[in-house]
Amino acid sequence: MHRFSKREVTRGRPVVLTFRQSCAVLYAVLVVGIEGRKIGRTFDGHTLLVVDSAEAEPVLAAYNARLTPIATGRSRLDGHAQYVTGFDQRKVVLTGAMSIRTMKPP
């Protein structure tokens, strides 16, 4: 889901991403950007920038939280991420993603 979200945001499409911290509660956020670094001509995006309506409003930025994928002991990423806001930091599990696309009229 992290790779899908990066690809869609790079194409200019916002993404609704869902995750959970515990089994009982799901959260939904809007992915609006990618943070990363540019090496030569290649951009290496590693963190999703999100707007979370349940958090404090963004100050001097277009986002109010960040999602960074983390490995959980295995060599591959498996949907776990670090969710960081201005006041909190926690591990979450990504559960779903949906991009928002414009439709061409028939």
PDB file of N, CA and C in Angstrom:
ATOM      1  N   MET A   1       0.806  -1.189   0.000  1.00  0.00           N
ATOM      2  CA  MET A   1       0.000   0.000   0.000  1.00  0.00           C
ATOM      3  C   MET A   1       0.855   1.260   0.000  1.00  0.00           C
ATOM      4  N   HIS A   2       1.999   1.178   0.647  1.00  0.00           N
ATOM      5  CA  HIS A   2       2.894   2.331   0.653  1.00  0.00           C
ATOM      6  C   HIS A   2       3.401   2.613  -0.760  1.00  0.00           C
ATOM      7  N   ARG A   3       3.777   1.570  -1.488  1.00  0.00           N
ATOM      8  CA  ARG A   3       4.266   1.726  -2.863  1.00  0.00           C
ATOM      9  C   ARG A   3       3.155   2.268  -3.769  1.00  0.00           C
ATOM     10  N   PHE A   4       1.934   1.738  -3.627  1.00  0.00           N
ATOM     11  CA  PHE A   4       0.788   2.218  -4.406  1.00  0.00           C
ATOM     12  C   PHE A   4       0.546   3.696  -4.122  1.00  0.00           C
ATOM     13  N   SER A   5       0.561   4.074  -2.851  1.00  0.00           N
ATOM     14  CA  SER A   5       0.315   5.469  -2.470  1.00  0.00           C
ATOM     15  C   SER A   5       1.374   6.389  -3.057  1.00  0.00           C
ATOM     16  N   LYS A   6       2.641   5.988  -2.983  1.00  0.00           N
ATOM     17  CA  LYS A   6       3.715   6.801  -3.563  1.00  0.00           C
ATOM     18  C   LYS A   6       3.511   6.982  -5.061  1.00  0.00           C
ATOM     19  N   ARG A   7       3.183   5.906  -5.757  1.00  0.00           N
ATOM     20  CA  ARG A   7       2.990   5.976  -7.211  1.00  0.00           C
ATOM     21  C   ARG A   7       1.836   6.916  -7.567  1.00  0.00           C
ATOM     22  N   GLU A   8       0.716   6.798  -6.881  1.00  0.00           N
ATOM     23  CA  GLU A   8      -0.450   7.615  -7.201  1.00  0.00           C
ATOM     24  C   GLU A   8      -0.217   9.091  -6.877  1.00  0.00           C
ATOM     25  N   VAL A   9       0.402   9.386  -5.745  1.00  0.00           N
ATOM     26  CA  VAL A   9       0.675  10.784  -5.389  1.00  0.00           C
ATOM     27  C   VAL A   9       1.672  11.389  -6.368  1.00  0.00           C
ATOM     28  N   THR A  10       2.646  10.615  -6.807  1.00  0.00           N
ATOM     29  CA  THR A  10       3.606  11.088  -7.809  1.00  0.00           C
ATOM     30  C   THR A  10       2.895  11.458  -9.105  1.00  0.00           C
ATOM     31  N   ARG A  11       1.819  10.765  -9.420  1.00  0.00           N
ATOM     32  CA  ARG A  11       1.030  11.056 -10.622  1.00  0.00           C
ATOM     33  C   ARG A  11       0.026  12.188 -10.407  1.00  0.00           C
ATOM     34  N   GLY A  12       0.032  12.805  -9.233  1.00  0.00           N
ATOM     35  CA  GLY A  12      -0.847  13.930  -8.960  1.00  0.00           C
ATOM     36  C   GLY A  12      -2.212  13.556  -8.426  1.00  0.00           C
ATOM     37  N   ARG A  13      -2.365  12.332  -7.948  1.00  0.00           N
ATOM     38  CA  ARG A  13      -3.653  11.864  -7.428  1.00  0.00           C
ATOM     39  C   ARG A  13      -3.576  11.707  -5.913  1.00  0.00           C
ATOM     40  N   PRO A  14      -4.418  12.407  -5.159  1.00  0.00           N
ATOM     41  CA  PRO A  14      -4.425  12.189  -3.710  1.00  0.00           C
ATOM     42  C   PRO A  14      -4.920  10.783  -3.387  1.00  0.00           C
ATOM     43  N   VAL A  15      -4.520  10.270  -2.236  1.00  0.00           N
ATOM     44  CA  VAL A  15      -4.844   8.902  -1.836  1.00  0.00           C
ATOM     45  C   VAL A  15      -5.468   8.906  -0.449  1.00  0.00           C
ATOM     46  N   VAL A  16      -6.566   8.175  -0.287  1.00  0.00           N
ATOM     47  CA  VAL A  16      -7.139   7.925   1.034  1.00  0.00           C
ATOM     48  C   VAL A  16      -6.511   6.631   1.527  1.00  0.00           C
ATOM     49  N   LEU A  17      -5.847   6.704   2.672  1.00  0.00           N
ATOM     50  CA  LEU A  17      -5.118   5.568   3.222  1.00  0.00           C
ATOM     51  C   LEU A  17      -5.709   5.214   4.580  1.00  0.00           C
ATOM     52  N   THR A  18      -5.937   3.932   4.816  1.00  0.00           N
ATOM     53  CA  THR A  18      -6.453   3.502   6.116  1.00  0.00           C
ATOM     54  C   THR A  18      -5.386   2.694   6.841  1.00  0.00           C
ATOM     55  N   PHE A  19      -5.392   2.822   8.168  1.00  0.00           N
ATOM     56  CA  PHE A  19      -4.462   2.065   8.998  1.00  0.00           C
ATOM     57  C   PHE A  19      -5.096   1.819  10.352  1.00  0.00           C
ATOM     58  N   ARG A  20      -4.487   0.913  11.090  1.00  0.00           N
ATOM     59  CA  ARG A  20      -4.970   0.629  12.441  1.00  0.00           C
ATOM     60  C   ARG A  20      -3.787   0.600  13.397  1.00  0.00           C
ATOM     61  N   GLN A  21      -4.086   1.025  14.620  1.00  0.00           N
ATOM     62  CA  GLN A  21      -3.084   0.937  15.676  1.00  0.00           C
ATOM     63  C   GLN A  21      -3.377  -0.288  16.534  1.00  0.00           C
ATOM     64  N   SER A  22      -4.644  -0.534  16.756  1.00  0.00           N
ATOM     65  CA  SER A  22      -5.070  -1.735  17.469  1.00  0.00           C
ATOM     66  C   SER A  22      -6.108  -2.440  16.603  1.00  0.00           C
ATOM     67  N   CYS A  23      -6.514  -3.606  16.998  1.00  0.00           N
ATOM     68  CA  CYS A  23      -7.462  -4.378  16.182  1.00  0.00           C
ATOM     69  C   CYS A  23      -8.838  -3.734  16.096  1.00  0.00           C
ATOM     70  N   ALA A  24      -9.191  -2.908  17.054  1.00  0.00           N
ATOM     71  CA  ALA A  24     -10.552  -2.401  17.137  1.00  0.00           C
ATOM     72  C   ALA A  24     -10.802  -1.112  16.351  1.00  0.00           C
ATOM     73  N   VAL A  25      -9.785  -0.311  16.095  1.00  0.00           N
ATOM     74  CA  VAL A  25     -10.008   1.022  15.544  1.00  0.00           C
ATOM     75  C   VAL A  25      -9.250   1.201  14.230  1.00  0.00           C
ATOM     76  N   LEU A  26      -9.977   1.646  13.187  1.00  0.00           N
ATOM     77  CA  LEU A  26      -9.370   2.001  11.901  1.00  0.00           C
ATOM     78  C   LEU A  26      -9.351   3.521  11.760  1.00  0.00           C
ATOM     79  N   TYR A  27      -8.300   4.052  11.162  1.00  0.00           N
ATOM     80  CA  TYR A  27      -8.178   5.479  10.894  1.00  0.00           C
ATOM     81  C   TYR A  27      -8.070   5.674   9.389  1.00  0.00           C
ATOM     82  N   ALA A  28      -8.515   6.834   8.907  1.00  0.00           N
ATOM     83  CA  ALA A  28      -8.363   7.183   7.493  1.00  0.00           C
ATOM     84  C   ALA A  28      -7.707   8.556   7.405  1.00  0.00           C
ATOM     85  N   VAL A  29      -6.739   8.682   6.507  1.00  0.00           N
ATOM     86  CA  VAL A  29      -6.038   9.944   6.293  1.00  0.00           C
ATOM     87  C   VAL A  29      -5.940  10.196   4.793  1.00  0.00           C
ATOM     88  N   LEU A  30      -5.641  11.426   4.431  1.00  0.00           N
ATOM     89  CA  LEU A  30      -5.476  11.803   3.031  1.00  0.00           C
ATOM     90  C   LEU A  30      -3.996  12.043   2.757  1.00  0.00           C
ATOM     91  N   VAL A  31      -3.416  11.270   1.852  1.00  0.00           N
ATOM     92  CA  VAL A  31      -2.004  11.432   1.485  1.00  0.00           C
ATOM     93  C   VAL A  31      -1.916  12.554   0.456  1.00  0.00           C
ATOM     94  N   VAL A  32      -1.113  13.595   0.764  1.00  0.00           N
ATOM     95  CA  VAL A  32      -1.029  14.756  -0.118  1.00  0.00           C
ATOM     96  C   VAL A  32       0.366  14.999  -0.675  1.00  0.00           C
ATOM     97  N   GLY A  33       1.359  14.245  -0.218  1.00  0.00           N
ATOM     98  CA  GLY A  33       2.712  14.468  -0.710  1.00  0.00           C
ATOM     99  C   GLY A  33       3.668  13.375  -0.283  1.00  0.00           C
ATOM    100  N   ILE A  34       4.901  13.510  -0.767  1.00  0.00           N
ATOM    101  CA  ILE A  34       5.955  12.548  -0.459  1.00  0.00           C
ATOM    102  C   ILE A  34       7.200  13.320  -0.035  1.00  0.00           C
ATOM    103  N   GLU A  35       7.838  12.837   1.022  1.00  0.00           N
ATOM    104  CA  GLU A  35       9.108  13.406   1.460  1.00  0.00           C
ATOM    105  C   GLU A  35      10.214  12.428   1.092  1.00  0.00           C
ATOM    106  N   GLY A  36      11.334  12.948   0.654  1.00  0.00           N
ATOM    107  CA  GLY A  36      12.436  12.079   0.279  1.00  0.00           C
ATOM    108  C   GLY A  36      13.656  12.898  -0.074  1.00  0.00           C
ATOM    109  N   ARG A  37      14.536  12.287  -0.834  1.00  0.00           N
ATOM    110  CA  ARG A  37      15.742  12.989  -1.257  1.00  0.00           C
ATOM    111  C   ARG A  37      16.005  12.700  -2.727  1.00  0.00           C
ATOM    112  N   LYS A  38      16.679  13.635  -3.360  1.00  0.00           N
ATOM    113  CA  LYS A  38      17.008  13.489  -4.769  1.00  0.00           C
ATOM    114  C   LYS A  38      18.489  13.146  -4.889  1.00  0.00           C
ATOM    115  N   ILE A  39      18.752  12.039  -5.565  1.00  0.00           N
ATOM    116  CA  ILE A  39      20.124  11.602  -5.798  1.00  0.00           C
ATOM    117  C   ILE A  39      20.340  11.625  -7.305  1.00  0.00           C
ATOM    118  N   GLY A  40      21.108  12.585  -7.766  1.00  0.00           N
ATOM    119  CA  GLY A  40      21.275  12.765  -9.211  1.00  0.00           C
ATOM    120  C   GLY A  40      19.951  13.185  -9.815  1.00  0.00           C
ATOM    121  N   ARG A  41      19.445  12.389 -10.733  1.00  0.00           N
ATOM    122  CA  ARG A  41      18.145  12.677 -11.343  1.00  0.00           C
ATOM    123  C   ARG A  41      17.022  11.847 -10.746  1.00  0.00           C
ATOM    124  N   THR A  42      17.348  11.003  -9.784  1.00  0.00           N
ATOM    125  CA  THR A  42      16.365  10.083  -9.221  1.00  0.00           C
ATOM    126  C   THR A  42      15.869  10.582  -7.874  1.00  0.00           C
ATOM    127  N   PHE A  43      14.542  10.614  -7.701  1.00  0.00           N
ATOM    128  CA  PHE A  43      13.939  10.984  -6.421  1.00  0.00           C
ATOM    129  C   PHE A  43      13.626   9.718  -5.639  1.00  0.00           C
ATOM    130  N   ASP A  44      14.106   9.641  -4.413  1.00  0.00           N
ATOM    131  CA  ASP A  44      13.863   8.499  -3.534  1.00  0.00           C
ATOM    132  C   ASP A  44      12.908   8.941  -2.427  1.00  0.00           C
ATOM    133  N   GLY A  45      11.608   8.712  -2.646  1.00  0.00           N
ATOM    134  CA  GLY A  45      10.609   9.080  -1.651  1.00  0.00           C
ATOM    135  C   GLY A  45      10.490   8.010  -0.586  1.00  0.00           C
ATOM    136  N   HIS A  46      10.532   8.405   0.683  1.00  0.00           N
ATOM    137  CA  HIS A  46      10.485   7.419   1.759  1.00  0.00           C
ATOM    138  C   HIS A  46       9.376   7.671   2.768  1.00  0.00           C
ATOM    139  N   THR A  47       8.792   8.852   2.790  1.00  0.00           N
ATOM    140  CA  THR A  47       7.779   9.179   3.787  1.00  0.00           C
ATOM    141  C   THR A  47       6.563   9.798   3.116  1.00  0.00           C
ATOM    142  N   LEU A  48       5.371   9.328   3.494  1.00  0.00           N
ATOM    143  CA  LEU A  48       4.129   9.908   2.985  1.00  0.00           C
ATOM    144  C   LEU A  48       3.711  11.060   3.891  1.00  0.00           C
ATOM    145  N   LEU A  49       3.354  12.180   3.291  1.00  0.00           N
ATOM    146  CA  LEU A  49       2.858  13.333   4.036  1.00  0.00           C
ATOM    147  C   LEU A  49       1.338  13.297   3.980  1.00  0.00           C
ATOM    148  N   VAL A  50       0.688  13.363   5.146  1.00  0.00           N
ATOM    149  CA  VAL A  50      -0.755  13.161   5.194  1.00  0.00           C
ATOM    150  C   VAL A  50      -1.456  14.287   5.938  1.00  0.00           C
ATOM    151  N   VAL A  51      -2.737  14.447   5.620  1.00  0.00           N
ATOM    152  CA  VAL A  51      -3.629  15.324   6.370  1.00  0.00           C
ATOM    153  C   VAL A  51      -4.572  14.423   7.147  1.00  0.00           C
ATOM    154  N   ASP A  52      -4.555  14.571   8.455  1.00  0.00           N
ATOM    155  CA  ASP A  52      -5.392  13.774   9.350  1.00  0.00           C
ATOM    156  C   ASP A  52      -6.365  14.718  10.038  1.00  0.00           C
ATOM    157  N   SER A  53      -7.648  14.577   9.752  1.00  0.00           N
ATOM    158  CA  SER A  53      -8.650  15.481  10.322  1.00  0.00           C
ATOM    159  C   SER A  53      -8.802  15.309  11.828  1.00  0.00           C
ATOM    160  N   ALA A  54      -8.314  14.213  12.389  1.00  0.00           N
ATOM    161  CA  ALA A  54      -8.401  13.988  13.832  1.00  0.00           C
ATOM    162  C   ALA A  54      -7.242  14.637  14.591  1.00  0.00           C
ATOM    163  N   GLU A  55      -6.269  15.174  13.879  1.00  0.00           N
ATOM    164  CA  GLU A  55      -5.110  15.809  14.513  1.00  0.00           C
ATOM    165  C   GLU A  55      -5.243  17.327  14.458  1.00  0.00           C
ATOM    166  N   ALA A  56      -4.295  18.016  15.087  1.00  0.00           N
ATOM    167  CA  ALA A  56      -4.283  19.479  15.073  1.00  0.00           C
ATOM    168  C   ALA A  56      -4.077  19.969  13.642  1.00  0.00           C
ATOM    169  N   GLU A  57      -4.594  21.167  13.368  1.00  0.00           N
ATOM    170  CA  GLU A  57      -4.474  21.693  12.010  1.00  0.00           C
ATOM    171  C   GLU A  57      -3.010  21.964  11.663  1.00  0.00           C
ATOM    172  N   PRO A  58      -2.664  21.836  10.371  1.00  0.00           N
ATOM    173  CA  PRO A  58      -1.275  22.061   9.961  1.00  0.00           C
ATOM    174  C   PRO A  58      -0.850  23.512  10.189  1.00  0.00           C
ATOM    175  N   VAL A  59       0.386  23.700  10.625  1.00  0.00           N
ATOM    176  CA  VAL A  59       0.932  25.037  10.833  1.00  0.00           C
ATOM    177  C   VAL A  59       2.111  25.213   9.878  1.00  0.00           C
ATOM    178  N   LEU A  60       2.003  26.169   8.984  1.00  0.00           N
ATOM    179  CA  LEU A  60       3.046  26.470   7.999  1.00  0.00           C
ATOM    180  C   LEU A  60       3.420  25.269   7.132  1.00  0.00           C
ATOM    181  N   ALA A  61       2.465  24.394   6.884  1.00  0.00           N
ATOM    182  CA  ALA A  61       2.697  23.227   6.028  1.00  0.00           C
ATOM    183  C   ALA A  61       1.363  22.773   5.449  1.00  0.00           C
ATOM    184  N   ALA A  62       1.427  21.930   4.431  1.00  0.00           N
ATOM    185  CA  ALA A  62       0.202  21.402   3.816  1.00  0.00           C
ATOM    186  C   ALA A  62      -0.186  20.058   4.412  1.00  0.00           C
ATOM    187  N   TYR A  63       0.527  19.610   5.433  1.00  0.00           N
ATOM    188  CA  TYR A  63       0.255  18.311   6.051  1.00  0.00           C
ATOM    189  C   TYR A  63       0.411  18.425   7.567  1.00  0.00           C
ATOM    190  N   ASN A  64      -0.170  17.476   8.301  1.00  0.00           N
ATOM    191  CA  ASN A  64      -0.032  17.500   9.756  1.00  0.00           C
ATOM    192  C   ASN A  64       0.426  16.167  10.343  1.00  0.00           C
ATOM    193  N   ALA A  65       0.827  15.229   9.489  1.00  0.00           N
ATOM    194  CA  ALA A  65       1.354  13.948   9.969  1.00  0.00           C
ATOM    195  C   ALA A  65       2.208  13.310   8.878  1.00  0.00           C
ATOM    196  N   ARG A  66       3.027  12.340   9.290  1.00  0.00           N
ATOM    197  CA  ARG A  66       3.926  11.648   8.365  1.00  0.00           C
ATOM    198  C   ARG A  66       3.835  10.151   8.615  1.00  0.00           C
ATOM    199  N   LEU A  67       3.886   9.362   7.538  1.00  0.00           N
ATOM    200  CA  LEU A  67       3.892   7.897   7.619  1.00  0.00           C
ATOM    201  C   LEU A  67       5.160   7.380   6.946  1.00  0.00           C
ATOM    202  N   THR A  68       6.000   6.714   7.724  1.00  0.00           N
ATOM    203  CA  THR A  68       7.245   6.158   7.204  1.00  0.00           C
ATOM    204  C   THR A  68       7.215   4.647   7.365  1.00  0.00           C
ATOM    205  N   PRO A  69       7.428   3.887   6.287  1.00  0.00           N
ATOM    206  CA  PRO A  69       7.409   2.423   6.413  1.00  0.00           C
ATOM    207  C   PRO A  69       8.562   1.933   7.285  1.00  0.00           C
ATOM    208  N   ILE A  70       8.307   0.856   8.037  1.00  0.00           N
ATOM    209  CA  ILE A  70       9.355   0.265   8.868  1.00  0.00           C
ATOM    210  C   ILE A  70       9.375  -1.243   8.637  1.00  0.00           C
ATOM    211  N   ALA A  71      10.539  -1.822   8.756  1.00  0.00           N
ATOM    212  CA  ALA A  71      10.679  -3.276   8.674  1.00  0.00           C
ATOM    213  C   ALA A  71      10.427  -3.849  10.065  1.00  0.00           C
ATOM    214  N   THR A  72       9.822  -5.010  10.115  1.00  0.00           N
ATOM    215  CA  THR A  72       9.474  -5.605  11.408  1.00  0.00           C
ATOM    216  C   THR A  72      10.277  -6.872  11.672  1.00  0.00           C
ATOM    217  N   GLY A  73      11.567  -6.794  11.463  1.00  0.00           N
ATOM    218  CA  GLY A  73      12.409  -7.948  11.721  1.00  0.00           C
ATOM    219  C   GLY A  73      12.692  -8.785  10.496  1.00  0.00           C
ATOM    220  N   ARG A  74      11.832  -8.698   9.509  1.00  0.00           N
ATOM    221  CA  ARG A  74      12.073  -9.408   8.255  1.00  0.00           C
ATOM    222  C   ARG A  74      12.789  -8.468   7.299  1.00  0.00           C
ATOM    223  N   SER A  75      13.282  -9.008   6.209  1.00  0.00           N
ATOM    224  CA  SER A  75      14.032  -8.172   5.269  1.00  0.00           C
ATOM    225  C   SER A  75      13.128  -7.310   4.398  1.00  0.00           C
ATOM    226  N   ARG A  76      11.831  -7.590   4.390  1.00  0.00           N
ATOM    227  CA  ARG A  76      10.929  -6.815   3.524  1.00  0.00           C
ATOM    228  C   ARG A  76       9.947  -6.009   4.370  1.00  0.00           C
ATOM    229  N   LEU A  77       9.394  -4.995   3.746  1.00  0.00           N
ATOM    230  CA  LEU A  77       8.367  -4.197   4.410  1.00  0.00           C
ATOM    231  C   LEU A  77       7.038  -4.917   4.265  1.00  0.00           C
ATOM    232  N   ASP A  78       6.254  -4.962   5.315  1.00  0.00           N
ATOM    233  CA  ASP A  78       5.007  -5.728   5.265  1.00  0.00           C
ATOM    234  C   ASP A  78       3.792  -4.926   5.713  1.00  0.00           C
ATOM    235  N   GLY A  79       3.786  -3.635   5.472  1.00  0.00           N
ATOM    236  CA  GLY A  79       2.623  -2.832   5.804  1.00  0.00           C
ATOM    237  C   GLY A  79       2.706  -2.120   7.137  1.00  0.00           C
ATOM    238  N   HIS A  80       3.781  -2.299   7.882  1.00  0.00           N
ATOM    239  CA  HIS A  80       3.946  -1.581   9.136  1.00  0.00           C
ATOM    240  C   HIS A  80       4.570  -0.220   8.852  1.00  0.00           C
ATOM    241  N   ALA A  81       4.175   0.776   9.646  1.00  0.00           N
ATOM    242  CA  ALA A  81       4.689   2.123   9.439  1.00  0.00           C
ATOM    243  C   ALA A  81       4.769   2.860  10.765  1.00  0.00           C
ATOM    244  N   GLN A  82       5.575   3.903  10.771  1.00  0.00           N
ATOM    245  CA  GLN A  82       5.677   4.804  11.919  1.00  0.00           C
ATOM    246  C   GLN A  82       4.818   6.019  11.589  1.00  0.00           C
ATOM    247  N   TYR A  83       3.829   6.315  12.440  1.00  0.00           N
ATOM    248  CA  TYR A  83       2.922   7.444  12.234  1.00  0.00           C
ATOM    249  C   TYR A  83       3.342   8.552  13.193  1.00  0.00           C
ATOM    250  N   VAL A  84       3.736   9.701  12.659  1.00  0.00           N
ATOM    251  CA  VAL A  84       4.265  10.782  13.482  1.00  0.00           C
ATOM    252  C   VAL A  84       3.438  12.042  13.261  1.00  0.00           C
ATOM    253  N   THR A  85       2.945  12.622  14.364  1.00  0.00           N
ATOM    254  CA  THR A  85       2.253  13.911  14.328  1.00  0.00           C
ATOM    255  C   THR A  85       3.072  14.901  15.155  1.00  0.00           C
ATOM    256  N   GLY A  86       2.556  16.099  15.311  1.00  0.00           N
ATOM    257  CA  GLY A  86       3.244  17.090  16.125  1.00  0.00           C
ATOM    258  C   GLY A  86       3.282  16.739  17.598  1.00  0.00           C
ATOM    259  N   PHE A  87       2.390  15.853  18.039  1.00  0.00           N
ATOM    260  CA  PHE A  87       2.286  15.545  19.462  1.00  0.00           C
ATOM    261  C   PHE A  87       2.469  14.074  19.800  1.00  0.00           C
ATOM    262  N   ASP A  88       2.559  13.205  18.805  1.00  0.00           N
ATOM    263  CA  ASP A  88       2.553  11.773  19.082  1.00  0.00           C
ATOM    264  C   ASP A  88       3.356  11.015  18.026  1.00  0.00           C
ATOM    265  N   GLN A  89       3.751   9.810  18.391  1.00  0.00           N
ATOM    266  CA  GLN A  89       4.462   8.921  17.470  1.00  0.00           C
ATOM    267  C   GLN A  89       4.065   7.499  17.835  1.00  0.00           C
ATOM    268  N   ARG A  90       3.618   6.719  16.836  1.00  0.00           N
ATOM    269  CA  ARG A  90       3.189   5.350  17.129  1.00  0.00           C
ATOM    270  C   ARG A  90       3.356   4.455  15.906  1.00  0.00           C
ATOM    271  N   LYS A  91       3.424   3.152  16.167  1.00  0.00           N
ATOM    272  CA  LYS A  91       3.501   2.171  15.091  1.00  0.00           C
ATOM    273  C   LYS A  91       2.090   1.791  14.674  1.00  0.00           C
ATOM    274  N   VAL A  92       1.875   1.682  13.359  1.00  0.00           N
ATOM    275  CA  VAL A  92       0.562   1.339  12.821  1.00  0.00           C
ATOM    276  C   VAL A  92       0.729   0.288  11.730  1.00  0.00           C
ATOM    277  N   VAL A  93      -0.391  -0.313  11.336  1.00  0.00           N
ATOM    278  CA  VAL A  93      -0.415  -1.276  10.236  1.00  0.00           C
ATOM    279  C   VAL A  93      -1.311  -0.715   9.142  1.00  0.00           C
ATOM    280  N   LEU A  94      -0.779  -0.563   7.933  1.00  0.00           N
ATOM    281  CA  LEU A  94      -1.569  -0.063   6.808  1.00  0.00           C
ATOM    282  C   LEU A  94      -2.556  -1.143   6.382  1.00  0.00           C
ATOM    283  N   THR A  95      -3.829  -0.745   6.168  1.00  0.00           N
ATOM    284  CA  THR A  95      -4.862  -1.736   5.854  1.00  0.00           C
ATOM    285  C   THR A  95      -5.522  -1.529   4.500  1.00  0.00           C
ATOM    286  N   GLY A  96      -5.454  -0.339   3.918  1.00  0.00           N
ATOM    287  CA  GLY A  96      -6.099  -0.111   2.631  1.00  0.00           C
ATOM    288  C   GLY A  96      -5.708   1.231   2.040  1.00  0.00           C
ATOM    289  N   ALA A  97      -5.853   1.349   0.724  1.00  0.00           N
ATOM    290  CA  ALA A  97      -5.533   2.594   0.031  1.00  0.00           C
ATOM    291  C   ALA A  97      -6.414   2.719  -1.202  1.00  0.00           C
ATOM    292  N   MET A  98      -6.845   3.958  -1.475  1.00  0.00           N
ATOM    293  CA  MET A  98      -7.696   4.224  -2.628  1.00  0.00           C
ATOM    294  C   MET A  98      -7.306   5.586  -3.193  1.00  0.00           C
ATOM    295  N   SER A  99      -6.970   5.644  -4.480  1.00  0.00           N
ATOM    296  CA  SER A  99      -6.612   6.923  -5.081  1.00  0.00           C
ATOM    297  C   SER A  99      -7.862   7.629  -5.583  1.00  0.00           C
ATOM    298  N   ILE A 100      -7.780   8.947  -5.629  1.00  0.00           N
ATOM    299  CA  ILE A 100      -8.888   9.777  -6.099  1.00  0.00           C
ATOM    300  C   ILE A 100      -8.515  10.270  -7.492  1.00  0.00           C
ATOM    301  N   ARG A 101      -9.287   9.842  -8.484  1.00  0.00           N
ATOM    302  CA  ARG A 101      -9.008  10.198  -9.874  1.00  0.00           C
ATOM    303  C   ARG A 101     -10.174  10.986 -10.447  1.00  0.00           C
ATOM    304  N   THR A 102      -9.871  11.847 -11.399  1.00  0.00           N
ATOM    305  CA  THR A 102     -10.934  12.553 -12.098  1.00  0.00           C
ATOM    306  C   THR A 102     -11.429  11.673 -13.232  1.00  0.00           C
ATOM    307  N   MET A 103     -12.717  11.725 -13.465  1.00  0.00           N
ATOM    308  CA  MET A 103     -13.308  10.927 -14.551  1.00  0.00           C
ATOM    309  C   MET A 103     -13.519  11.822 -15.759  1.00  0.00           C
ATOM    310  N   LYS A 104     -13.227  11.290 -16.911  1.00  0.00           N
ATOM    311  CA  LYS A 104     -13.505  12.019 -18.143  1.00  0.00           C
ATOM    312  C   LYS A 104     -14.982  11.848 -18.460  1.00  0.00           C
ATOM    313  N   PRO A 105     -15.654  12.942 -18.859  1.00  0.00           N
ATOM    314  CA  PRO A 105     -17.072  12.806 -19.196  1.00  0.00           C
ATOM    315  C   PRO A 105     -17.265  11.891 -20.403  1.00  0.00           C
ATOM    316  N   PRO A 106     -18.370  11.138 -20.431  1.00  0.00           N
ATOM    317  CA  PRO A 106     -18.612  10.209 -21.549  1.00  0.00           C
ATOM    318  C   PRO A 106     -18.822  10.913 -22.870  1.00  0.00           C
TER     319      PRO A 106
END
